[in-house]
Amino acid sequence: MLKLFSLASLLTVVWLARIPGGSAGTYSLTNNVVGSDFYNFFNWQAQPDPTHGRVEYVDQATGRSLNLTYASGDTFVLRTESRSILNPAGPGRPSVRIRSKKTFTTHVAVFDLRHMPQGCGTWPAIWETEDDNWPNDGEIDILEGVNDQGPNAATLHTLPGCTMPAERVQTGINGQLDCDWTVNGNTGCGVRMTDPTSYGPPFNQNGGGWYVVERTTQFIKVWFWSRNNPSVPVDIKNGGVQVNTDSYGTPAAHFPNTQCDLERFFKRHFIIINLTLCGDWAGSVYGNSGCPGTCVEFADNNPQAFREAYFDFAGIRVYE
């Protein structure tokens, strides 16, 4: 019986190690998105901006013709238009919003980013949700900010009934603890990172870095490492075929299931990347950001101010 028990225990350990989100934290590569792969992995969402930004989201053909997206080798760039003065009565500045064709539940996603959009009025985001059923299926904001005001914040948005504990093992600083989208104008339960290079001009000046999100039914975690951080895990830096999140250390943001049934509040999610201008958040706090004039007037009349408003991805890797 002792030998049988030992064998059963060993098999259980091996079995758990192979389950995404299991105790070993080991995941295998299912999607490696580099350069022109972005055109096949994502759909372009030419739709009105749900956050009421001063942009016009364009389709893939228009984006490519305007050079708002382009791919070369291990580079994929997504940007807003930066040449035209806009008619105040006309559409917003052409920009891009893309959504993955696949959806994900338990997974790790690695975003290897060299440059993020910067400038007054900008509101870039990398996030996960089911936007056709928002907010019912939850939202995870991995990278988000406005008007160059860092550091980055990772945030959850849910239906009522999901909150986070004040005490958590993370390096970031708690914001609001209630994730309910109806509280405080959809503020969500956010965690502000402490690394100043995690957002905006400092991020770009340091050559970018890696954002990593791990989602399980037990927790959601977000890490960030700047490009020259000596502690970045080898499997993240080198793009391994497997990753082991148990070796990543304390996350910047940790959202446990202790006061929130993550399986109930978070369903299958798309990965979404978009760049809007002004709108519900960037526009509402624009006057407190040290930026000139009003947000919409600035966005309309200063195309050259958006020459640095672009994402430059070295790749996205998804592990399940």
C-alpha atoms as a PDB file:
ATOM      1  CA  MET A   1       0.000   0.000   0.000  1.00  0.00           C
ATOM      2  CA  LEU A   2       2.859   2.363   0.768  1.00  0.00           C
ATOM      3  CA  LYS A   3       4.366   1.855  -2.679  1.00  0.00           C
ATOM      4  CA  LEU A   4       1.002   2.338  -4.368  1.00  0.00           C
ATOM      5  CA  PHE A   5       0.350   5.487  -2.369  1.00  0.00           C
ATOM      6  CA  SER A   6       3.758   6.904  -3.275  1.00  0.00           C
ATOM      7  CA  LEU A   7       3.199   6.166  -6.955  1.00  0.00           C
ATOM      8  CA  ALA A   8      -0.245   7.725  -6.859  1.00  0.00           C
ATOM      9  CA  SER A   9       1.160  10.816  -5.165  1.00  0.00           C
ATOM     10  CA  LEU A  10       3.871  11.123  -7.786  1.00  0.00           C
ATOM     11  CA  LEU A  11       1.343  10.824 -10.618  1.00  0.00           C
ATOM     12  CA  THR A  12      -0.815  13.460  -8.969  1.00  0.00           C
ATOM     13  CA  VAL A  13       2.111  15.877  -8.799  1.00  0.00           C
ATOM     14  CA  VAL A  14       2.955  15.269 -12.459  1.00  0.00           C
ATOM     15  CA  TRP A  15      -0.700  15.683 -13.445  1.00  0.00           C
ATOM     16  CA  LEU A  16      -0.982  18.978 -11.580  1.00  0.00           C
ATOM     17  CA  ALA A  17       2.211  20.244 -13.181  1.00  0.00           C
ATOM     18  CA  ARG A  18       0.625  19.824 -16.585  1.00  0.00           C
ATOM     19  CA  ILE A  19      -2.601  21.615 -15.759  1.00  0.00           C
ATOM     20  CA  PRO A  20      -2.583  25.327 -16.722  1.00  0.00           C
ATOM     21  CA  GLY A  21      -2.774  27.249 -13.500  1.00  0.00           C
ATOM     22  CA  GLY A  22      -1.991  24.129 -11.466  1.00  0.00           C
ATOM     23  CA  SER A  23       0.319  24.148  -8.494  1.00  0.00           C
ATOM     24  CA  ALA A  24       3.473  24.055 -10.607  1.00  0.00           C
ATOM     25  CA  GLY A  25       2.519  27.168 -12.604  1.00  0.00           C
ATOM     26  CA  THR A  26       3.725  25.601 -15.864  1.00  0.00           C
ATOM     27  CA  TYR A  27       2.130  26.534 -19.193  1.00  0.00           C
ATOM     28  CA  SER A  28       2.911  25.623 -22.813  1.00  0.00           C
ATOM     29  CA  LEU A  29       3.095  27.992 -25.782  1.00  0.00           C
ATOM     30  CA  THR A  30      -0.058  27.982 -27.933  1.00  0.00           C
ATOM     31  CA  ASN A  31       0.259  31.283 -29.824  1.00  0.00           C
ATOM     32  CA  ASN A  32       3.443  33.065 -30.871  1.00  0.00           C
ATOM     33  CA  VAL A  33       2.457  36.339 -32.531  1.00  0.00           C
ATOM     34  CA  VAL A  34       5.352  38.166 -34.206  1.00  0.00           C
ATOM     35  CA  GLY A  35       5.452  40.730 -37.001  1.00  0.00           C
ATOM     36  CA  SER A  36       2.961  39.937 -39.755  1.00  0.00           C
ATOM     37  CA  ASP A  37       1.313  37.278 -37.539  1.00  0.00           C
ATOM     38  CA  PHE A  38      -0.643  40.145 -35.946  1.00  0.00           C
ATOM     39  CA  TYR A  39      -2.707  40.413 -39.137  1.00  0.00           C
ATOM     40  CA  ASN A  40      -3.898  36.823 -38.731  1.00  0.00           C
ATOM     41  CA  PHE A  41      -4.217  36.697 -34.939  1.00  0.00           C
ATOM     42  CA  PHE A  42      -6.358  39.844 -34.625  1.00  0.00           C
ATOM     43  CA  ASN A  43      -9.477  41.318 -36.186  1.00  0.00           C
ATOM     44  CA  TRP A  44      -9.615  45.084 -36.786  1.00  0.00           C
ATOM     45  CA  GLN A  45     -12.602  46.688 -35.046  1.00  0.00           C
ATOM     46  CA  ALA A  46     -13.799  49.605 -37.192  1.00  0.00           C
ATOM     47  CA  GLN A  47     -16.455  50.761 -34.755  1.00  0.00           C
ATOM     48  CA  PRO A  48     -17.454  53.812 -32.725  1.00  0.00           C
ATOM     49  CA  ASP A  49     -15.228  54.231 -29.682  1.00  0.00           C
ATOM     50  CA  PRO A  50     -17.242  53.058 -26.640  1.00  0.00           C
ATOM     51  CA  THR A  51     -15.192  55.444 -24.453  1.00  0.00           C
ATOM     52  CA  HIS A  52     -16.175  58.428 -26.652  1.00  0.00           C
ATOM     53  CA  GLY A  53     -12.646  59.306 -27.695  1.00  0.00           C
ATOM     54  CA  ARG A  54     -11.678  61.754 -30.436  1.00  0.00           C
ATOM     55  CA  VAL A  55     -10.765  58.919 -32.806  1.00  0.00           C
ATOM     56  CA  GLU A  56     -12.175  57.048 -35.765  1.00  0.00           C
ATOM     57  CA  TYR A  57     -11.255  53.370 -35.574  1.00  0.00           C
ATOM     58  CA  VAL A  58     -10.465  52.097 -39.078  1.00  0.00           C
ATOM     59  CA  ASP A  59     -10.487  48.664 -40.702  1.00  0.00           C
ATOM     60  CA  GLN A  60      -7.347  46.718 -41.550  1.00  0.00           C
ATOM     61  CA  ALA A  61      -7.132  47.820 -45.180  1.00  0.00           C
ATOM     62  CA  THR A  62      -7.498  51.495 -44.255  1.00  0.00           C
ATOM     63  CA  GLY A  63      -5.027  51.181 -41.410  1.00  0.00           C
ATOM     64  CA  ARG A  64      -2.433  49.642 -43.680  1.00  0.00           C
ATOM     65  CA  SER A  65      -2.979  52.202 -46.429  1.00  0.00           C
ATOM     66  CA  LEU A  66      -2.551  55.054 -43.919  1.00  0.00           C
ATOM     67  CA  ASN A  67       0.469  53.301 -42.385  1.00  0.00           C
ATOM     68  CA  LEU A  68      -1.316  53.139 -39.017  1.00  0.00           C
ATOM     69  CA  THR A  69      -0.269  49.505 -38.773  1.00  0.00           C
ATOM     70  CA  TYR A  70       2.713  47.859 -40.391  1.00  0.00           C
ATOM     71  CA  ALA A  71       4.808  44.761 -39.844  1.00  0.00           C
ATOM     72  CA  SER A  72       8.439  44.003 -40.633  1.00  0.00           C
ATOM     73  CA  GLY A  73      10.450  41.090 -39.281  1.00  0.00           C
ATOM     74  CA  ASP A  74       9.905  40.964 -35.529  1.00  0.00           C
ATOM     75  CA  THR A  75       8.159  44.355 -35.446  1.00  0.00           C
ATOM     76  CA  PHE A  76       4.479  45.254 -35.423  1.00  0.00           C
ATOM     77  CA  VAL A  77       3.519  48.928 -35.103  1.00  0.00           C
ATOM     78  CA  LEU A  78       0.052  50.303 -34.293  1.00  0.00           C
ATOM     79  CA  ARG A  79      -0.412  54.065 -34.235  1.00  0.00           C
ATOM     80  CA  THR A  80      -2.793  56.988 -34.620  1.00  0.00           C
ATOM     81  CA  GLU A  81      -2.698  59.322 -37.611  1.00  0.00           C
ATOM     82  CA  SER A  82      -0.317  62.272 -37.108  1.00  0.00           C
ATOM     83  CA  ARG A  83      -0.458  64.405 -40.258  1.00  0.00           C
ATOM     84  CA  SER A  84      -3.884  66.014 -40.549  1.00  0.00           C
ATOM     85  CA  ILE A  85      -5.617  68.919 -38.820  1.00  0.00           C
ATOM     86  CA  LEU A  86      -9.164  67.761 -38.120  1.00  0.00           C
ATOM     87  CA  ASN A  87     -12.447  69.451 -38.886  1.00  0.00           C
ATOM     88  CA  PRO A  88     -14.097  70.067 -35.470  1.00  0.00           C
ATOM     89  CA  ALA A  89     -17.430  68.949 -36.944  1.00  0.00           C
ATOM     90  CA  GLY A  90     -15.948  65.878 -38.621  1.00  0.00           C
ATOM     91  CA  PRO A  91     -14.775  62.445 -37.485  1.00  0.00           C
ATOM     92  CA  GLY A  92     -11.930  61.950 -35.027  1.00  0.00           C
ATOM     93  CA  ARG A  93      -8.306  61.183 -35.731  1.00  0.00           C
ATOM     94  CA  PRO A  94      -7.924  57.817 -37.509  1.00  0.00           C
ATOM     95  CA  SER A  95      -6.681  55.159 -35.082  1.00  0.00           C
ATOM     96  CA  VAL A  96      -6.726  51.414 -34.505  1.00  0.00           C
ATOM     97  CA  ARG A  97      -8.448  48.928 -32.227  1.00  0.00           C
ATOM     98  CA  ILE A  98      -7.716  45.213 -32.667  1.00  0.00           C
ATOM     99  CA  ARG A  99      -9.238  42.141 -30.989  1.00  0.00           C
ATOM    100  CA  SER A 100      -7.906  38.593 -30.990  1.00  0.00           C
ATOM    101  CA  LYS A 101      -9.844  36.039 -33.017  1.00  0.00           C
ATOM    102  CA  LYS A 102      -9.461  33.511 -30.189  1.00  0.00           C
ATOM    103  CA  THR A 103     -10.738  33.757 -26.632  1.00  0.00           C
ATOM    104  CA  PHE A 104      -8.942  32.621 -23.482  1.00  0.00           C
ATOM    105  CA  THR A 105      -9.689  31.588 -19.910  1.00  0.00           C
ATOM    106  CA  THR A 106      -6.810  30.087 -17.896  1.00  0.00           C
ATOM    107  CA  HIS A 107      -3.624  31.313 -19.560  1.00  0.00           C
ATOM    108  CA  VAL A 108      -0.460  33.388 -19.406  1.00  0.00           C
ATOM    109  CA  ALA A 109       0.010  36.211 -21.926  1.00  0.00           C
ATOM    110  CA  VAL A 110       3.385  37.896 -22.463  1.00  0.00           C
ATOM    111  CA  PHE A 111       3.485  41.289 -24.174  1.00  0.00           C
ATOM    112  CA  ASP A 112       6.981  42.166 -25.382  1.00  0.00           C
ATOM    113  CA  LEU A 113       6.724  45.879 -26.077  1.00  0.00           C
ATOM    114  CA  ARG A 114       9.468  48.252 -27.241  1.00  0.00           C
ATOM    115  CA  HIS A 115       7.414  51.455 -27.294  1.00  0.00           C
ATOM    116  CA  MET A 116       3.981  52.561 -26.132  1.00  0.00           C
ATOM    117  CA  PRO A 117       1.941  55.597 -27.204  1.00  0.00           C
ATOM    118  CA  GLN A 118       2.881  58.791 -25.423  1.00  0.00           C
ATOM    119  CA  GLY A 119       1.688  62.384 -25.496  1.00  0.00           C
ATOM    120  CA  CYS A 120      -1.034  64.641 -24.165  1.00  0.00           C
ATOM    121  CA  GLY A 121      -4.491  63.284 -24.897  1.00  0.00           C
ATOM    122  CA  THR A 122      -3.340  59.681 -25.446  1.00  0.00           C
ATOM    123  CA  TRP A 123      -5.119  56.744 -23.837  1.00  0.00           C
ATOM    124  CA  PRO A 124      -3.460  53.436 -24.810  1.00  0.00           C
ATOM    125  CA  ALA A 125      -4.633  50.107 -23.465  1.00  0.00           C
ATOM    126  CA  ILE A 126      -3.844  46.393 -23.546  1.00  0.00           C
ATOM    127  CA  TRP A 127      -6.683  44.488 -21.949  1.00  0.00           C
ATOM    128  CA  GLU A 128      -8.834  41.372 -21.944  1.00  0.00           C
ATOM    129  CA  THR A 129     -12.625  41.140 -21.994  1.00  0.00           C
ATOM    130  CA  GLU A 130     -15.652  39.911 -23.943  1.00  0.00           C
ATOM    131  CA  ASP A 131     -16.601  43.338 -25.237  1.00  0.00           C
ATOM    132  CA  ASP A 132     -19.816  42.085 -26.855  1.00  0.00           C
ATOM    133  CA  ASN A 133     -21.059  41.142 -23.370  1.00  0.00           C
ATOM    134  CA  TRP A 134     -19.382  43.805 -21.228  1.00  0.00           C
ATOM    135  CA  PRO A 135     -19.436  44.128 -18.231  1.00  0.00           C
ATOM    136  CA  ASN A 136     -21.069  40.742 -17.598  1.00  0.00           C
ATOM    137  CA  ASP A 137     -17.953  38.730 -18.408  1.00  0.00           C
ATOM    138  CA  GLY A 138     -15.446  40.962 -16.590  1.00  0.00           C
ATOM    139  CA  GLU A 139     -12.449  42.990 -17.757  1.00  0.00           C
ATOM    140  CA  ILE A 140      -8.715  42.794 -17.026  1.00  0.00           C
ATOM    141  CA  ASP A 141      -6.649  45.907 -17.799  1.00  0.00           C
ATOM    142  CA  ILE A 142      -2.985  44.938 -18.148  1.00  0.00           C
ATOM    143  CA  LEU A 143      -1.563  48.202 -19.460  1.00  0.00           C
ATOM    144  CA  GLU A 144      -3.550  51.423 -19.299  1.00  0.00           C
ATOM    145  CA  GLY A 145      -3.012  55.091 -18.622  1.00  0.00           C
ATOM    146  CA  VAL A 146      -3.637  58.590 -19.952  1.00  0.00           C
ATOM    147  CA  ASN A 147      -1.765  61.806 -20.767  1.00  0.00           C
ATOM    148  CA  ASP A 148       1.665  60.316 -19.908  1.00  0.00           C
ATOM    149  CA  GLN A 149       0.649  60.054 -16.245  1.00  0.00           C
ATOM    150  CA  GLY A 150       2.469  56.959 -14.956  1.00  0.00           C
ATOM    151  CA  PRO A 151       3.158  54.533 -13.501  1.00  0.00           C
ATOM    152  CA  ASN A 152       0.966  51.867 -15.071  1.00  0.00           C
ATOM    153  CA  ALA A 153      -2.136  50.552 -13.314  1.00  0.00           C
ATOM    154  CA  ALA A 154      -3.588  47.035 -13.602  1.00  0.00           C
ATOM    155  CA  THR A 155      -7.346  47.008 -12.969  1.00  0.00           C
ATOM    156  CA  LEU A 156     -10.352  44.683 -12.875  1.00  0.00           C
ATOM    157  CA  HIS A 157     -13.924  45.695 -13.745  1.00  0.00           C
ATOM    158  CA  THR A 158     -16.864  43.424 -12.899  1.00  0.00           C
ATOM    159  CA  LEU A 159     -20.530  43.182 -12.087  1.00  0.00           C
ATOM    160  CA  PRO A 160     -21.455  43.968  -8.449  1.00  0.00           C
ATOM    161  CA  GLY A 161     -20.202  41.457  -5.888  1.00  0.00           C
ATOM    162  CA  CYS A 162     -16.458  41.282  -6.516  1.00  0.00           C
ATOM    163  CA  THR A 163     -14.026  43.005  -4.133  1.00  0.00           C
ATOM    164  CA  MET A 164     -10.338  42.699  -3.296  1.00  0.00           C
ATOM    165  CA  PRO A 165      -8.690  42.416   0.140  1.00  0.00           C
ATOM    166  CA  ALA A 166      -6.633  45.336   1.387  1.00  0.00           C
ATOM    167  CA  GLU A 167      -3.738  43.035   2.310  1.00  0.00           C
ATOM    168  CA  ARG A 168      -2.189  41.201  -0.648  1.00  0.00           C
ATOM    169  CA  VAL A 169       1.244  39.958  -1.645  1.00  0.00           C
ATOM    170  CA  GLN A 170       2.175  42.403  -4.407  1.00  0.00           C
ATOM    171  CA  THR A 171       4.613  45.229  -5.050  1.00  0.00           C
ATOM    172  CA  GLY A 172       1.935  47.651  -6.303  1.00  0.00           C
ATOM    173  CA  ILE A 173      -0.288  50.033  -4.352  1.00  0.00           C
ATOM    174  CA  ASN A 174      -4.000  49.377  -3.944  1.00  0.00           C
ATOM    175  CA  GLY A 175      -6.543  51.763  -5.348  1.00  0.00           C
ATOM    176  CA  GLN A 176     -10.266  51.193  -4.942  1.00  0.00           C
ATOM    177  CA  LEU A 177     -11.022  47.701  -3.596  1.00  0.00           C
ATOM    178  CA  ASP A 178     -14.479  47.311  -5.133  1.00  0.00           C
ATOM    179  CA  CYS A 179     -14.313  46.007  -8.713  1.00  0.00           C
ATOM    180  CA  ASP A 180     -17.985  46.852  -9.392  1.00  0.00           C
ATOM    181  CA  TRP A 181     -18.179  48.892 -12.603  1.00  0.00           C
ATOM    182  CA  THR A 182     -21.098  50.931 -11.242  1.00  0.00           C
ATOM    183  CA  VAL A 183     -19.013  52.358  -8.364  1.00  0.00           C
ATOM    184  CA  ASN A 184     -17.257  55.726  -8.883  1.00  0.00           C
ATOM    185  CA  GLY A 185     -17.805  55.883 -12.612  1.00  0.00           C
ATOM    186  CA  ASN A 186     -16.342  52.479 -13.487  1.00  0.00           C
ATOM    187  CA  THR A 187     -13.091  53.071 -11.585  1.00  0.00           C
ATOM    188  CA  GLY A 188     -12.649  49.352 -10.928  1.00  0.00           C
ATOM    189  CA  CYS A 189     -10.277  47.750  -8.431  1.00  0.00           C
ATOM    190  CA  GLY A 190      -6.863  48.920  -9.527  1.00  0.00           C
ATOM    191  CA  VAL A 191      -3.270  48.438  -8.438  1.00  0.00           C
ATOM    192  CA  ARG A 192      -0.777  51.179  -9.245  1.00  0.00           C
ATOM    193  CA  MET A 193       2.693  49.899 -10.067  1.00  0.00           C
ATOM    194  CA  THR A 194       5.678  51.387  -8.269  1.00  0.00           C
ATOM    195  CA  ASP A 195       8.152  51.120 -11.159  1.00  0.00           C
ATOM    196  CA  PRO A 196       8.272  54.550 -12.889  1.00  0.00           C
ATOM    197  CA  THR A 197       9.454  52.890 -16.115  1.00  0.00           C
ATOM    198  CA  SER A 198       6.185  50.945 -16.436  1.00  0.00           C
ATOM    199  CA  TYR A 199       4.378  53.656 -18.403  1.00  0.00           C
ATOM    200  CA  GLY A 200       4.762  56.536 -20.833  1.00  0.00           C
ATOM    201  CA  PRO A 201       7.989  58.374 -21.709  1.00  0.00           C
ATOM    202  CA  PRO A 202      10.088  56.603 -19.008  1.00  0.00           C
ATOM    203  CA  PHE A 203       8.992  53.256 -20.463  1.00  0.00           C
ATOM    204  CA  ASN A 204      10.037  54.317 -23.945  1.00  0.00           C
ATOM    205  CA  GLN A 205      13.314  55.867 -22.820  1.00  0.00           C
ATOM    206  CA  ASN A 206      14.281  52.516 -21.280  1.00  0.00           C
ATOM    207  CA  GLY A 207      13.568  50.493 -24.404  1.00  0.00           C
ATOM    208  CA  GLY A 208      10.206  49.191 -23.210  1.00  0.00           C
ATOM    209  CA  GLY A 209       9.817  45.890 -21.419  1.00  0.00           C
ATOM    210  CA  TRP A 210       7.533  42.949 -20.732  1.00  0.00           C
ATOM    211  CA  TYR A 211       4.014  42.853 -19.307  1.00  0.00           C
ATOM    212  CA  VAL A 212       2.789  39.442 -18.197  1.00  0.00           C
ATOM    213  CA  VAL A 213      -0.677  38.439 -17.043  1.00  0.00           C
ATOM    214  CA  GLU A 214      -1.551  35.090 -15.484  1.00  0.00           C
ATOM    215  CA  ARG A 215      -5.216  34.213 -15.143  1.00  0.00           C
ATOM    216  CA  THR A 216      -6.560  31.215 -13.230  1.00  0.00           C
ATOM    217  CA  THR A 217      -9.736  30.529 -11.251  1.00  0.00           C
ATOM    218  CA  GLN A 218      -7.711  31.165  -8.081  1.00  0.00           C
ATOM    219  CA  PHE A 219      -6.077  34.483  -8.942  1.00  0.00           C
ATOM    220  CA  ILE A 220      -5.140  37.017 -11.601  1.00  0.00           C
ATOM    221  CA  LYS A 221      -1.580  38.362 -11.468  1.00  0.00           C
ATOM    222  CA  VAL A 222       0.267  40.997 -13.485  1.00  0.00           C
ATOM    223  CA  TRP A 223       4.048  41.465 -13.650  1.00  0.00           C
ATOM    224  CA  PHE A 224       6.210  44.077 -15.340  1.00  0.00           C
ATOM    225  CA  TRP A 225       9.935  44.055 -16.098  1.00  0.00           C
ATOM    226  CA  SER A 226      11.696  46.906 -17.883  1.00  0.00           C
ATOM    227  CA  ARG A 227      13.993  46.028 -20.780  1.00  0.00           C
ATOM    228  CA  ASN A 228      17.251  46.128 -18.813  1.00  0.00           C
ATOM    229  CA  ASN A 229      15.942  44.663 -15.557  1.00  0.00           C
ATOM    230  CA  PRO A 230      18.428  41.931 -14.557  1.00  0.00           C
ATOM    231  CA  SER A 231      15.691  39.960 -12.774  1.00  0.00           C
ATOM    232  CA  VAL A 232      13.471  39.327 -15.829  1.00  0.00           C
ATOM    233  CA  PRO A 233      12.835  35.559 -15.985  1.00  0.00           C
ATOM    234  CA  VAL A 234      14.779  33.724 -18.673  1.00  0.00           C
ATOM    235  CA  ASP A 235      11.667  32.130 -20.175  1.00  0.00           C
ATOM    236  CA  ILE A 236      10.145  35.603 -20.585  1.00  0.00           C
ATOM    237  CA  LYS A 237      13.251  37.246 -21.989  1.00  0.00           C
ATOM    238  CA  ASN A 238      14.057  34.439 -24.408  1.00  0.00           C
ATOM    239  CA  GLY A 239      10.513  33.479 -25.371  1.00  0.00           C
ATOM    240  CA  GLY A 240      10.500  29.896 -24.165  1.00  0.00           C
ATOM    241  CA  VAL A 241       8.098  27.197 -25.337  1.00  0.00           C
ATOM    242  CA  GLN A 242       7.079  26.811 -21.688  1.00  0.00           C
ATOM    243  CA  VAL A 243       6.847  29.263 -18.808  1.00  0.00           C
ATOM    244  CA  ASN A 244       6.816  28.628 -15.076  1.00  0.00           C
ATOM    245  CA  THR A 245       5.192  31.520 -13.232  1.00  0.00           C
ATOM    246  CA  ASP A 246       6.253  30.115  -9.860  1.00  0.00           C
ATOM    247  CA  SER A 247       9.725  31.502 -10.612  1.00  0.00           C
ATOM    248  CA  TYR A 248       8.541  35.053 -11.323  1.00  0.00           C
ATOM    249  CA  GLY A 249       8.548  36.394  -7.786  1.00  0.00           C
ATOM    250  CA  THR A 250       6.063  38.823  -6.291  1.00  0.00           C
ATOM    251  CA  PRO A 251       3.688  40.267  -8.914  1.00  0.00           C
ATOM    252  CA  ALA A 252       3.091  43.979  -9.334  1.00  0.00           C
ATOM    253  CA  ALA A 253      -0.642  43.311  -9.008  1.00  0.00           C
ATOM    254  CA  HIS A 254      -2.373  40.361  -7.345  1.00  0.00           C
ATOM    255  CA  PHE A 255      -6.122  39.802  -7.502  1.00  0.00           C
ATOM    256  CA  PRO A 256      -7.050  36.691  -5.433  1.00  0.00           C
ATOM    257  CA  ASN A 257     -10.405  34.902  -5.368  1.00  0.00           C
ATOM    258  CA  THR A 258     -10.803  35.258  -1.587  1.00  0.00           C
ATOM    259  CA  GLN A 259     -13.548  37.895  -1.898  1.00  0.00           C
ATOM    260  CA  CYS A 260     -14.379  37.452  -5.576  1.00  0.00           C
ATOM    261  CA  ASP A 261     -15.488  34.304  -7.369  1.00  0.00           C
ATOM    262  CA  LEU A 262     -13.228  34.759 -10.391  1.00  0.00           C
ATOM    263  CA  GLU A 263     -14.797  31.830 -12.225  1.00  0.00           C
ATOM    264  CA  ARG A 264     -18.186  33.524 -11.919  1.00  0.00           C
ATOM    265  CA  PHE A 265     -17.135  37.074 -12.787  1.00  0.00           C
ATOM    266  CA  PHE A 266     -14.605  36.336 -15.548  1.00  0.00           C
ATOM    267  CA  LYS A 267     -15.522  34.290 -18.619  1.00  0.00           C
ATOM    268  CA  ARG A 268     -13.829  33.730 -21.980  1.00  0.00           C
ATOM    269  CA  HIS A 269     -11.900  36.850 -22.988  1.00  0.00           C
ATOM    270  CA  PHE A 270     -10.491  38.344 -26.132  1.00  0.00           C
ATOM    271  CA  ILE A 271      -7.163  40.214 -26.067  1.00  0.00           C
ATOM    272  CA  ILE A 272      -7.749  43.824 -27.126  1.00  0.00           C
ATOM    273  CA  ILE A 273      -5.215  46.522 -28.009  1.00  0.00           C
ATOM    274  CA  ASN A 274      -6.345  50.040 -28.789  1.00  0.00           C
ATOM    275  CA  LEU A 275      -5.280  53.660 -28.845  1.00  0.00           C
ATOM    276  CA  THR A 276      -7.870  56.362 -28.289  1.00  0.00           C
ATOM    277  CA  LEU A 277      -7.551  60.091 -27.644  1.00  0.00           C
ATOM    278  CA  CYS A 278      -9.358  62.159 -25.012  1.00  0.00           C
ATOM    279  CA  GLY A 279     -12.644  60.435 -24.223  1.00  0.00           C
ATOM    280  CA  ASP A 280     -14.176  59.489 -20.890  1.00  0.00           C
ATOM    281  CA  TRP A 281     -10.895  59.206 -18.967  1.00  0.00           C
ATOM    282  CA  ALA A 282      -8.100  61.030 -20.790  1.00  0.00           C
ATOM    283  CA  GLY A 283     -10.447  63.911 -21.547  1.00  0.00           C
ATOM    284  CA  SER A 284     -11.899  64.195 -18.057  1.00  0.00           C
ATOM    285  CA  VAL A 285      -8.491  64.507 -16.343  1.00  0.00           C
ATOM    286  CA  TYR A 286      -6.732  66.361 -19.166  1.00  0.00           C
ATOM    287  CA  GLY A 287      -6.816  69.692 -17.337  1.00  0.00           C
ATOM    288  CA  ASN A 288      -4.927  68.193 -14.380  1.00  0.00           C
ATOM    289  CA  SER A 289      -2.174  66.679 -16.534  1.00  0.00           C
ATOM    290  CA  GLY A 290      -0.155  69.773 -17.397  1.00  0.00           C
ATOM    291  CA  CYS A 291      -1.329  69.628 -21.010  1.00  0.00           C
ATOM    292  CA  PRO A 292      -2.253  72.731 -23.062  1.00  0.00           C
ATOM    293  CA  GLY A 293      -5.760  73.910 -23.939  1.00  0.00           C
ATOM    294  CA  THR A 294      -8.620  71.442 -24.043  1.00  0.00           C
ATOM    295  CA  CYS A 295      -8.156  67.826 -25.020  1.00  0.00           C
ATOM    296  CA  VAL A 296     -10.349  67.778 -28.129  1.00  0.00           C
ATOM    297  CA  GLU A 297      -8.942  71.067 -29.469  1.00  0.00           C
ATOM    298  CA  PHE A 298      -5.416  69.780 -28.897  1.00  0.00           C
ATOM    299  CA  ALA A 299      -6.190  66.483 -30.644  1.00  0.00           C
ATOM    300  CA  ASP A 300      -7.798  68.277 -33.600  1.00  0.00           C
ATOM    301  CA  ASN A 301      -5.142  70.906 -34.218  1.00  0.00           C
ATOM    302  CA  ASN A 302      -1.788  69.322 -33.337  1.00  0.00           C
ATOM    303  CA  PRO A 303      -1.153  66.261 -35.483  1.00  0.00           C
ATOM    304  CA  GLN A 304       2.598  66.491 -34.923  1.00  0.00           C
ATOM    305  CA  ALA A 305       2.002  65.951 -31.190  1.00  0.00           C
ATOM    306  CA  PHE A 306       1.031  62.348 -31.957  1.00  0.00           C
ATOM    307  CA  ARG A 307       4.171  61.227 -33.774  1.00  0.00           C
ATOM    308  CA  GLU A 308       5.166  59.269 -30.655  1.00  0.00           C
ATOM    309  CA  ALA A 309       1.654  57.876 -30.198  1.00  0.00           C
ATOM    310  CA  TYR A 310       2.371  54.314 -31.282  1.00  0.00           C
ATOM    311  CA  PHE A 311       2.835  50.776 -30.019  1.00  0.00           C
ATOM    312  CA  ASP A 312       5.894  48.841 -31.204  1.00  0.00           C
ATOM    313  CA  PHE A 313       5.498  45.150 -30.379  1.00  0.00           C
ATOM    314  CA  ALA A 314       8.353  42.672 -30.531  1.00  0.00           C
ATOM    315  CA  GLY A 315       5.706  39.997 -30.011  1.00  0.00           C
ATOM    316  CA  ILE A 316       2.868  38.509 -27.999  1.00  0.00           C
ATOM    317  CA  ARG A 317       3.055  34.978 -26.646  1.00  0.00           C
ATOM    318  CA  VAL A 318       0.122  33.103 -25.135  1.00  0.00           C
ATOM    319  CA  TYR A 319       0.595  30.016 -22.981  1.00  0.00           C
ATOM    320  CA  GLU A 320      -2.149  27.626 -21.878  1.00  0.00           C
END
